[in-house]
Structure formats: C-alpha cells, structure tokens
Amino acid sequence: MRIIVCIKQVPDVTEVKIDPKTNTLIREGVPSIMNPYDLHAIEAALELKEATAGKVTAITMGPPQAEEVLREAISMGVDDAILLTDRRFAGADTWATAYTLSMAARKIGFDLIICGKQAIDGDTAQVGPEMAEFLNIPHVSYVRKIHNVSSQEMIIERLMDDCYEKIQVCLPALITVVKELNNPRPPSIRGKMAAKKAVIPRWNADDINAEEEKIGLKGSPTMVKNIFAPPPRGERRILEGSPEEQVDILLKELRRLGCL
C-alpha cells in the first residue's frame, strides 16, 4: 500500500500574537511544532505500513524551515518525505493549499492519503476534504478506527457528536483522523539517525505542474479581512445561598433587566 501523510508545521499556539496592522500571525521568534493531529495521522500510516508491507511518504507545504517536521516524521518511521516550497505558494488559503498538495500527491501516486482532522493554527478542517475533491476520490473525515484493510477497500469508524458511523470506503481514498484513533509512537534512536541523514527533495510549482492562477495568493478565493480578540465579557456575579434562594435572586435580576 502506498500511503501519503500530509503534515504541517504550526506555531505553538500558546505563544501566538496577532499583528494589528496586517491581521496575520506573528511567527518571528515563535517556536514551531508539528500540528498535533498530524502525529496521529503519521501513527495511522505507520500501523498500516506494518500491516500491509506498504510505504509511507510525508509531504508538507511551507517555507524551508518546515523541513524540520518532515525530519521528525522520518524519525518516527516514515520512509521518505517531500517539501513543497516556493514563494509562489505564499498566501495560500485552504483551497489553494489543497490544490497544491493534491498536485504533489498525484505526482507521487498513492492508495491512501491520511491527514490530521485540522491544523491548530487555522482550525478549518477543510484542506483534507478539498484535496479529495481535487483528486476526485472518496474521503471520510474524523476517523476514530480503521478495520479490515485490503488492497481495494477498508472499513472505518467515523466519530460523530454522540455516536459513530461505520463506513466501507473504496481505495484510493483520503481520510482525516482524530486523536482517539491511536497513541503516536516516539521517535527511535535509529529513526533519529535516519532523519538526520535523510535527503529531503524540495519541489516547487513547476515540479508538480501546478497552474499559476491556482496557487498561493493568486489562487486563493478567500482572504482574512480582520482578526481580533473578542471583547471582554461583562461583570460576573456568583449567586450564593440555597438553590431556591439562587433562583429567586436570578428571577429578580432578570426582571430588573427587563428579560422577564
């Protein structure tokens, strides 16, 4: 089985600040990490590799320093990795990002693509499903279990709000996974040595035959107009007394405010 796992380098969200002039994240001086959900995608890919004697390729789109997360993936057991980096990719929204990743996946070839359910810096959960649409393959999101994998199909469980769905999906396909799926393995010593020595190819827009008008800012139909912190909430009041007394106080306050 040929498996592609899509990963992303994201800023540590506890350190993120917003530039009030540009309404973009301030990334300079902010430590970067692998998107946590992508660790579960890597583990899922490695487990399928072990079960099917397959091959796993990790890909990411980003600046040259995004190579760090690809080496981390190799240290966990991924076979090889490819960095999609090009100034023309800059400013991409989820649509243009999905197009770029899908063109790379098409060039590599695959039976299954695995993504984390979402990236913690954007929280859109759109890139995976959009990739599937560009590639014209089935996709299932929020996967919590994988069963009965063969060369042609697989049975998966999809997490819902208060239940789960069991779905049979034909390959090739794309899935996005949740943290309930597995516990990511730590990098091994041998893996770290392999990651340090690995030569990671860098592909630009020409390497993946991407159309100029579909990548980066030019290919992005959406843009961020404004980012702001929500205003502070009003004064809070903690009601005291027995439940009956608290209800009476609450009713009086609601009447005072004209809500009743």
C-alpha atoms as a PDB file:
ATOM      1  CA  MET A   1       0.000   0.000   0.000  1.00  0.00           C
ATOM      2  CA  ARG A   2       1.289   3.446  -0.968  1.00  0.00           C
ATOM      3  CA  ILE A   3       0.379   5.920   1.757  1.00  0.00           C
ATOM      4  CA  ILE A   4       0.827   9.685   1.774  1.00  0.00           C
ATOM      5  CA  VAL A   5       0.535  11.520   5.073  1.00  0.00           C
ATOM      6  CA  CYS A   6       0.078  15.288   4.971  1.00  0.00           C
ATOM      7  CA  ILE A   7       1.624  17.218   7.852  1.00  0.00           C
ATOM      8  CA  LYS A   8       2.076  20.869   8.777  1.00  0.00           C
ATOM      9  CA  GLN A   9       4.434  22.965  10.847  1.00  0.00           C
ATOM     10  CA  VAL A  10       2.427  25.316  13.062  1.00  0.00           C
ATOM     11  CA  PRO A  11       3.312  27.935  15.676  1.00  0.00           C
ATOM     12  CA  ASP A  12       2.966  26.933  19.305  1.00  0.00           C
ATOM     13  CA  VAL A  13      -0.490  28.389  19.924  1.00  0.00           C
ATOM     14  CA  THR A  14       0.333  29.388  23.490  1.00  0.00           C
ATOM     15  CA  GLU A  15       2.835  31.873  22.055  1.00  0.00           C
ATOM     16  CA  VAL A  16       0.833  33.292  19.137  1.00  0.00           C
ATOM     17  CA  LYS A  17       0.249  37.035  18.786  1.00  0.00           C
ATOM     18  CA  ILE A  18      -1.604  38.957  16.085  1.00  0.00           C
ATOM     19  CA  ASP A  19      -0.078  41.831  14.115  1.00  0.00           C
ATOM     20  CA  PRO A  20      -2.731  44.588  14.427  1.00  0.00           C
ATOM     21  CA  LYS A  21      -1.670  46.186  11.137  1.00  0.00           C
ATOM     22  CA  THR A  22      -1.665  43.121   8.882  1.00  0.00           C
ATOM     23  CA  ASN A  23      -4.118  40.923  10.844  1.00  0.00           C
ATOM     24  CA  THR A  24      -1.768  37.977  10.449  1.00  0.00           C
ATOM     25  CA  LEU A  25       0.004  35.725  12.918  1.00  0.00           C
ATOM     26  CA  ILE A  26       3.368  36.962  14.175  1.00  0.00           C
ATOM     27  CA  ARG A  27       5.596  33.950  13.535  1.00  0.00           C
ATOM     28  CA  GLU A  28       9.007  35.551  14.039  1.00  0.00           C
ATOM     29  CA  GLY A  29      10.559  34.333  17.280  1.00  0.00           C
ATOM     30  CA  VAL A  30       7.657  31.950  17.935  1.00  0.00           C
ATOM     31  CA  PRO A  31       8.597  28.273  18.420  1.00  0.00           C
ATOM     32  CA  SER A  32       7.150  25.918  15.821  1.00  0.00           C
ATOM     33  CA  ILE A  33       5.836  22.395  16.322  1.00  0.00           C
ATOM     34  CA  MET A  34       4.257  19.688  14.239  1.00  0.00           C
ATOM     35  CA  ASN A  35       0.496  20.026  14.145  1.00  0.00           C
ATOM     36  CA  PRO A  36      -0.602  17.664  16.976  1.00  0.00           C
ATOM     37  CA  TYR A  37      -3.342  15.968  14.950  1.00  0.00           C
ATOM     38  CA  ASP A  38      -0.780  15.122  12.267  1.00  0.00           C
ATOM     39  CA  LEU A  39       1.106  12.958  14.772  1.00  0.00           C
ATOM     40  CA  HIS A  40      -1.954  10.702  14.861  1.00  0.00           C
ATOM     41  CA  ALA A  41      -2.050  10.691  11.050  1.00  0.00           C
ATOM     42  CA  ILE A  42       1.588   9.558  10.974  1.00  0.00           C
ATOM     43  CA  GLU A  43       0.927   6.794  13.506  1.00  0.00           C
ATOM     44  CA  ALA A  44      -2.061   5.575  11.490  1.00  0.00           C
ATOM     45  CA  ALA A  45       0.088   5.497   8.346  1.00  0.00           C
ATOM     46  CA  LEU A  46       2.860   3.570  10.110  1.00  0.00           C
ATOM     47  CA  GLU A  47       0.448   0.991  11.506  1.00  0.00           C
ATOM     48  CA  LEU A  48      -0.996   0.426   8.028  1.00  0.00           C
ATOM     49  CA  LYS A  49       2.516   0.217   6.608  1.00  0.00           C
ATOM     50  CA  GLU A  50       3.366  -2.546   9.096  1.00  0.00           C
ATOM     51  CA  ALA A  51       0.132  -4.401   8.373  1.00  0.00           C
ATOM     52  CA  THR A  52       0.395  -4.242   4.575  1.00  0.00           C
ATOM     53  CA  ALA A  53       4.157  -4.047   3.949  1.00  0.00           C
ATOM     54  CA  GLY A  54       3.500  -0.624   2.479  1.00  0.00           C
ATOM     55  CA  LYS A  55       5.419   2.611   2.049  1.00  0.00           C
ATOM     56  CA  VAL A  56       4.741   5.968   3.709  1.00  0.00           C
ATOM     57  CA  THR A  57       5.668   9.344   2.232  1.00  0.00           C
ATOM     58  CA  ALA A  58       5.198  12.539   4.243  1.00  0.00           C
ATOM     59  CA  ILE A  59       4.582  15.838   2.477  1.00  0.00           C
ATOM     60  CA  THR A  60       4.214  19.394   3.696  1.00  0.00           C
ATOM     61  CA  MET A  61       3.896  22.809   2.109  1.00  0.00           C
ATOM     62  CA  GLY A  62       5.764  25.676   3.716  1.00  0.00           C
ATOM     63  CA  PRO A  63       8.983  27.687   3.950  1.00  0.00           C
ATOM     64  CA  PRO A  64      12.360  25.912   4.022  1.00  0.00           C
ATOM     65  CA  GLN A  65      12.288  25.566   7.828  1.00  0.00           C
ATOM     66  CA  ALA A  66       9.206  23.334   7.514  1.00  0.00           C
ATOM     67  CA  GLU A  67      11.719  20.613   6.698  1.00  0.00           C
ATOM     68  CA  GLU A  68      12.006  20.153  10.473  1.00  0.00           C
ATOM     69  CA  VAL A  69       8.629  18.442  10.760  1.00  0.00           C
ATOM     70  CA  LEU A  70       9.455  16.165   7.835  1.00  0.00           C
ATOM     71  CA  ARG A  71      12.600  15.002   9.627  1.00  0.00           C
ATOM     72  CA  GLU A  72      10.511  14.428  12.735  1.00  0.00           C
ATOM     73  CA  ALA A  73       8.177  12.247  10.667  1.00  0.00           C
ATOM     74  CA  ILE A  74      11.133  10.257   9.337  1.00  0.00           C
ATOM     75  CA  SER A  75      12.405   9.771  12.883  1.00  0.00           C
ATOM     76  CA  MET A  76       9.052   8.157  13.725  1.00  0.00           C
ATOM     77  CA  GLY A  77       9.351   5.677  10.840  1.00  0.00           C
ATOM     78  CA  VAL A  78       8.148   7.394   7.672  1.00  0.00           C
ATOM     79  CA  ASP A  79      10.086   6.139   4.641  1.00  0.00           C
ATOM     80  CA  ASP A  80      10.645   9.411   2.813  1.00  0.00           C
ATOM     81  CA  ALA A  81       9.458  12.997   2.703  1.00  0.00           C
ATOM     82  CA  ILE A  82       8.986  15.867   0.261  1.00  0.00           C
ATOM     83  CA  LEU A  83       8.908  19.584   0.991  1.00  0.00           C
ATOM     84  CA  LEU A  84       6.740  21.770  -1.234  1.00  0.00           C
ATOM     85  CA  THR A  85       8.329  25.188  -1.021  1.00  0.00           C
ATOM     86  CA  ASP A  86       8.064  28.092  -3.438  1.00  0.00           C
ATOM     87  CA  ARG A  87       7.473  31.812  -2.987  1.00  0.00           C
ATOM     88  CA  ARG A  88       4.547  31.393  -5.365  1.00  0.00           C
ATOM     89  CA  PHE A  89       2.815  29.227  -2.739  1.00  0.00           C
ATOM     90  CA  ALA A  90       2.797  32.098  -0.214  1.00  0.00           C
ATOM     91  CA  GLY A  91      -0.537  33.494   0.946  1.00  0.00           C
ATOM     92  CA  ALA A  92      -2.493  30.352   0.039  1.00  0.00           C
ATOM     93  CA  ASP A  93      -5.868  29.805   1.652  1.00  0.00           C
ATOM     94  CA  THR A  94      -7.233  26.299   2.254  1.00  0.00           C
ATOM     95  CA  TRP A  95      -8.394  25.977  -1.374  1.00  0.00           C
ATOM     96  CA  ALA A  96      -5.028  26.847  -2.909  1.00  0.00           C
ATOM     97  CA  THR A  97      -3.207  24.761  -0.282  1.00  0.00           C
ATOM     98  CA  ALA A  98      -5.379  21.739  -1.047  1.00  0.00           C
ATOM     99  CA  TYR A  99      -4.777  22.185  -4.775  1.00  0.00           C
ATOM    100  CA  THR A 100      -1.004  22.329  -4.284  1.00  0.00           C
ATOM    101  CA  LEU A 101      -0.926  19.256  -2.032  1.00  0.00           C
ATOM    102  CA  SER A 102      -3.200  17.333  -4.388  1.00  0.00           C
ATOM    103  CA  MET A 103      -0.919  18.030  -7.343  1.00  0.00           C
ATOM    104  CA  ALA A 104       2.028  16.693  -5.356  1.00  0.00           C
ATOM    105  CA  ALA A 105       0.043  13.619  -4.322  1.00  0.00           C
ATOM    106  CA  ARG A 106      -0.928  12.999  -7.924  1.00  0.00           C
ATOM    107  CA  LYS A 107       2.744  13.058  -8.940  1.00  0.00           C
ATOM    108  CA  ILE A 108       3.809  10.717  -6.120  1.00  0.00           C
ATOM    109  CA  GLY A 109       0.995   8.204  -6.570  1.00  0.00           C
ATOM    110  CA  PHE A 110      -0.985   6.706  -3.706  1.00  0.00           C
ATOM    111  CA  ASP A 111      -3.581   4.261  -2.462  1.00  0.00           C
ATOM    112  CA  LEU A 112      -4.444   6.230   0.661  1.00  0.00           C
ATOM    113  CA  ILE A 113      -3.901   9.790   1.904  1.00  0.00           C
ATOM    114  CA  ILE A 114      -4.086  10.470   5.638  1.00  0.00           C
ATOM    115  CA  CYS A 115      -4.413  13.924   7.228  1.00  0.00           C
ATOM    116  CA  GLY A 116      -4.973  15.149  10.751  1.00  0.00           C
ATOM    117  CA  LYS A 117      -8.547  16.355  11.225  1.00  0.00           C
ATOM    118  CA  GLN A 118      -7.412  20.003  11.253  1.00  0.00           C
ATOM    119  CA  ALA A 119      -4.472  22.312  11.890  1.00  0.00           C
ATOM    120  CA  ILE A 120      -4.444  24.123  15.223  1.00  0.00           C
ATOM    121  CA  ASP A 121      -3.438  27.458  13.671  1.00  0.00           C
ATOM    122  CA  GLY A 122      -6.408  27.665  11.301  1.00  0.00           C
ATOM    123  CA  ASP A 123      -8.919  25.146  12.727  1.00  0.00           C
ATOM    124  CA  THR A 124     -10.807  24.963   9.413  1.00  0.00           C
ATOM    125  CA  ALA A 125     -10.668  21.162   8.833  1.00  0.00           C
ATOM    126  CA  GLN A 126     -11.041  21.952   5.110  1.00  0.00           C
ATOM    127  CA  VAL A 127      -7.760  21.009   3.436  1.00  0.00           C
ATOM    128  CA  GLY A 128      -8.177  17.220   3.595  1.00  0.00           C
ATOM    129  CA  PRO A 129     -11.687  17.087   2.087  1.00  0.00           C
ATOM    130  CA  GLU A 130     -10.748  19.703  -0.515  1.00  0.00           C
ATOM    131  CA  MET A 131      -7.749  17.599  -1.559  1.00  0.00           C
ATOM    132  CA  ALA A 132     -10.076  14.650  -2.109  1.00  0.00           C
ATOM    133  CA  GLU A 133     -12.315  16.773  -4.320  1.00  0.00           C
ATOM    134  CA  PHE A 134      -9.353  17.918  -6.432  1.00  0.00           C
ATOM    135  CA  LEU A 135      -8.253  14.289  -6.780  1.00  0.00           C
ATOM    136  CA  ASN A 136     -11.803  13.035  -7.387  1.00  0.00           C
ATOM    137  CA  ILE A 137     -11.543  10.317  -4.719  1.00  0.00           C
ATOM    138  CA  PRO A 138     -13.799   9.438  -1.774  1.00  0.00           C
ATOM    139  CA  HIS A 139     -12.972  10.866   1.632  1.00  0.00           C
ATOM    140  CA  VAL A 140     -14.091  10.272   5.207  1.00  0.00           C
ATOM    141  CA  SER A 141     -13.367  12.751   7.998  1.00  0.00           C
ATOM    142  CA  TYR A 142     -12.995  12.344  11.773  1.00  0.00           C
ATOM    143  CA  VAL A 143     -11.884   8.710  11.573  1.00  0.00           C
ATOM    144  CA  ARG A 144     -11.513   7.065  15.000  1.00  0.00           C
ATOM    145  CA  LYS A 145     -10.892   3.419  13.994  1.00  0.00           C
ATOM    146  CA  ILE A 146      -9.670   1.529  10.932  1.00  0.00           C
ATOM    147  CA  HIS A 147     -10.628  -2.102  10.222  1.00  0.00           C
ATOM    148  CA  ASN A 148     -10.302  -4.739   7.504  1.00  0.00           C
ATOM    149  CA  VAL A 149      -7.835  -3.012   5.208  1.00  0.00           C
ATOM    150  CA  SER A 150      -7.276  -4.643   1.821  1.00  0.00           C
ATOM    151  CA  SER A 151      -5.797  -3.512  -1.470  1.00  0.00           C
ATOM    152  CA  GLN A 152      -9.220  -2.362  -2.646  1.00  0.00           C
ATOM    153  CA  GLU A 153     -11.186  -1.181   0.381  1.00  0.00           C
ATOM    154  CA  MET A 154     -11.256  -0.555   4.121  1.00  0.00           C
ATOM    155  CA  ILE A 155     -13.797  -0.369   6.923  1.00  0.00           C
ATOM    156  CA  ILE A 156     -13.573   2.705   9.123  1.00  0.00           C
ATOM    157  CA  GLU A 157     -15.460   4.247  12.016  1.00  0.00           C
ATOM    158  CA  ARG A 158     -16.242   7.949  11.827  1.00  0.00           C
ATOM    159  CA  LEU A 159     -16.656   9.941  15.023  1.00  0.00           C
ATOM    160  CA  MET A 160     -19.963  11.803  15.390  1.00  0.00           C
ATOM    161  CA  ASP A 161     -21.309  14.081  18.139  1.00  0.00           C
ATOM    162  CA  ASP A 162     -22.979  11.313  20.141  1.00  0.00           C
ATOM    163  CA  CYS A 163     -22.283   8.124  18.166  1.00  0.00           C
ATOM    164  CA  TYR A 164     -20.120   6.829  15.322  1.00  0.00           C
ATOM    165  CA  GLU A 165     -20.673   5.655  11.757  1.00  0.00           C
ATOM    166  CA  LYS A 166     -19.129   2.504  10.301  1.00  0.00           C
ATOM    167  CA  ILE A 167     -18.298   3.068   6.644  1.00  0.00           C
ATOM    168  CA  GLN A 168     -16.893   0.936   3.851  1.00  0.00           C
ATOM    169  CA  VAL A 169     -14.709   3.021   1.552  1.00  0.00           C
ATOM    170  CA  CYS A 170     -13.058   2.014  -1.705  1.00  0.00           C
ATOM    171  CA  LEU A 171      -9.427   2.842  -2.392  1.00  0.00           C
ATOM    172  CA  PRO A 172      -7.829   5.113  -3.403  1.00  0.00           C
ATOM    173  CA  ALA A 173      -9.272   7.418  -0.769  1.00  0.00           C
ATOM    174  CA  LEU A 174      -8.463  10.148   1.731  1.00  0.00           C
ATOM    175  CA  ILE A 175      -9.214  10.143   5.451  1.00  0.00           C
ATOM    176  CA  THR A 176      -8.744  12.675   8.232  1.00  0.00           C
ATOM    177  CA  VAL A 177      -8.153  11.286  11.706  1.00  0.00           C
ATOM    178  CA  VAL A 178      -8.906  12.297  15.297  1.00  0.00           C
ATOM    179  CA  LYS A 179      -6.733  11.836  18.365  1.00  0.00           C
ATOM    180  CA  GLU A 180      -8.916   8.959  19.626  1.00  0.00           C
ATOM    181  CA  LEU A 181      -7.542   6.775  16.817  1.00  0.00           C
ATOM    182  CA  ASN A 182      -4.162   5.956  18.394  1.00  0.00           C
ATOM    183  CA  ASN A 183      -1.226   6.953  20.570  1.00  0.00           C
ATOM    184  CA  PRO A 184       1.647   8.264  18.424  1.00  0.00           C
ATOM    185  CA  ARG A 185       4.944   6.457  18.932  1.00  0.00           C
ATOM    186  CA  PRO A 186       8.045   8.399  19.991  1.00  0.00           C
ATOM    187  CA  PRO A 187      10.975   8.676  17.585  1.00  0.00           C
ATOM    188  CA  SER A 188      13.521   5.868  17.882  1.00  0.00           C
ATOM    189  CA  ILE A 189      17.293   6.313  18.067  1.00  0.00           C
ATOM    190  CA  ARG A 190      17.638   4.628  14.690  1.00  0.00           C
ATOM    191  CA  GLY A 191      14.878   6.860  13.344  1.00  0.00           C
ATOM    192  CA  LYS A 192      16.612   9.996  14.567  1.00  0.00           C
ATOM    193  CA  MET A 193      19.820   8.918  12.870  1.00  0.00           C
ATOM    194  CA  ALA A 194      17.940   8.239   9.632  1.00  0.00           C
ATOM    195  CA  ALA A 195      16.200  11.605   9.852  1.00  0.00           C
ATOM    196  CA  LYS A 196      19.477  13.428  10.319  1.00  0.00           C
ATOM    197  CA  LYS A 197      20.980  11.813   7.218  1.00  0.00           C
ATOM    198  CA  ALA A 198      17.866  11.953   5.039  1.00  0.00           C
ATOM    199  CA  VAL A 199      17.946  13.987   1.845  1.00  0.00           C
ATOM    200  CA  ILE A 200      14.576  15.694   1.514  1.00  0.00           C
ATOM    201  CA  PRO A 201      13.660  16.812  -2.024  1.00  0.00           C
ATOM    202  CA  ARG A 202      12.210  20.297  -2.444  1.00  0.00           C
ATOM    203  CA  TRP A 203       9.520  20.670  -5.082  1.00  0.00           C
ATOM    204  CA  ASN A 204       8.347  23.982  -6.477  1.00  0.00           C
ATOM    205  CA  ALA A 205       5.257  24.808  -8.532  1.00  0.00           C
ATOM    206  CA  ASP A 206       6.921  23.692 -11.760  1.00  0.00           C
ATOM    207  CA  ASP A 207       7.885  20.310 -10.299  1.00  0.00           C
ATOM    208  CA  ILE A 208       4.240  19.448  -9.622  1.00  0.00           C
ATOM    209  CA  ASN A 209       2.894  21.054 -12.821  1.00  0.00           C
ATOM    210  CA  ALA A 210       0.748  23.463 -10.815  1.00  0.00           C
ATOM    211  CA  GLU A 211      -1.158  26.167 -12.652  1.00  0.00           C
ATOM    212  CA  GLU A 212      -0.022  29.662 -11.614  1.00  0.00           C
ATOM    213  CA  GLU A 213      -3.544  31.002 -11.196  1.00  0.00           C
ATOM    214  CA  LYS A 214      -4.451  28.219  -8.736  1.00  0.00           C
ATOM    215  CA  ILE A 215      -1.635  28.547  -6.195  1.00  0.00           C
ATOM    216  CA  GLY A 216      -0.666  30.991  -3.486  1.00  0.00           C
ATOM    217  CA  LEU A 217      -2.454  34.283  -3.026  1.00  0.00           C
ATOM    218  CA  LYS A 218      -3.413  34.419  -6.685  1.00  0.00           C
ATOM    219  CA  GLY A 219      -5.270  31.117  -6.447  1.00  0.00           C
ATOM    220  CA  SER A 220      -6.999  31.875  -3.137  1.00  0.00           C
ATOM    221  CA  PRO A 221     -10.698  32.797  -3.431  1.00  0.00           C
ATOM    222  CA  THR A 222     -10.850  33.738   0.261  1.00  0.00           C
ATOM    223  CA  MET A 223      -8.798  36.116   2.370  1.00  0.00           C
ATOM    224  CA  VAL A 224      -8.673  37.191   6.010  1.00  0.00           C
ATOM    225  CA  LYS A 225     -10.188  40.662   6.324  1.00  0.00           C
ATOM    226  CA  ASN A 226      -9.721  41.100  10.054  1.00  0.00           C
ATOM    227  CA  ILE A 227      -8.580  39.183  13.135  1.00  0.00           C
ATOM    228  CA  PHE A 228      -9.437  40.411  16.594  1.00  0.00           C
ATOM    229  CA  ALA A 229      -9.755  39.225  20.152  1.00  0.00           C
ATOM    230  CA  PRO A 230     -13.349  39.005  21.420  1.00  0.00           C
ATOM    231  CA  PRO A 231     -14.323  41.858  23.741  1.00  0.00           C
ATOM    232  CA  PRO A 232     -14.174  41.126  27.458  1.00  0.00           C
ATOM    233  CA  ARG A 233     -17.368  39.846  28.984  1.00  0.00           C
ATOM    234  CA  GLY A 234     -19.436  41.988  31.308  1.00  0.00           C
ATOM    235  CA  GLU A 235     -19.309  41.872  35.066  1.00  0.00           C
ATOM    236  CA  ARG A 236     -19.852  38.419  36.517  1.00  0.00           C
ATOM    237  CA  ARG A 237     -21.821  37.693  39.665  1.00  0.00           C
ATOM    238  CA  ILE A 238     -21.779  34.461  41.642  1.00  0.00           C
ATOM    239  CA  LEU A 239     -25.103  33.689  43.301  1.00  0.00           C
ATOM    240  CA  GLU A 240     -24.980  32.482  46.866  1.00  0.00           C
ATOM    241  CA  GLY A 241     -27.404  30.610  49.090  1.00  0.00           C
ATOM    242  CA  SER A 242     -29.533  27.518  48.595  1.00  0.00           C
ATOM    243  CA  PRO A 243     -30.726  26.553  45.103  1.00  0.00           C
ATOM    244  CA  GLU A 244     -34.156  28.036  45.905  1.00  0.00           C
ATOM    245  CA  GLU A 245     -32.593  31.304  47.070  1.00  0.00           C
ATOM    246  CA  GLN A 246     -30.375  31.463  43.993  1.00  0.00           C
ATOM    247  CA  VAL A 247     -33.412  31.002  41.737  1.00  0.00           C
ATOM    248  CA  ASP A 248     -35.226  33.861  43.485  1.00  0.00           C
ATOM    249  CA  ILE A 249     -32.191  36.140  43.114  1.00  0.00           C
ATOM    250  CA  LEU A 250     -31.841  35.205  39.439  1.00  0.00           C
ATOM    251  CA  LEU A 251     -35.522  35.893  38.710  1.00  0.00           C
ATOM    252  CA  LYS A 252     -35.362  39.289  40.404  1.00  0.00           C
ATOM    253  CA  GLU A 253     -32.265  40.205  38.385  1.00  0.00           C
ATOM    254  CA  LEU A 254     -33.853  39.100  35.118  1.00  0.00           C
ATOM    255  CA  ARG A 255     -36.950  41.165  35.888  1.00  0.00           C
ATOM    256  CA  ARG A 256     -34.760  44.175  36.675  1.00  0.00           C
ATOM    257  CA  LEU A 257     -33.034  43.823  33.326  1.00  0.00           C
ATOM    258  CA  GLY A 258     -36.380  43.522  31.549  1.00  0.00           C
ATOM    259  CA  CYS A 259     -35.760  39.960  30.412  1.00  0.00           C
ATOM    260  CA  LEU A 260     -38.965  38.708  32.047  1.00  0.00           C
END
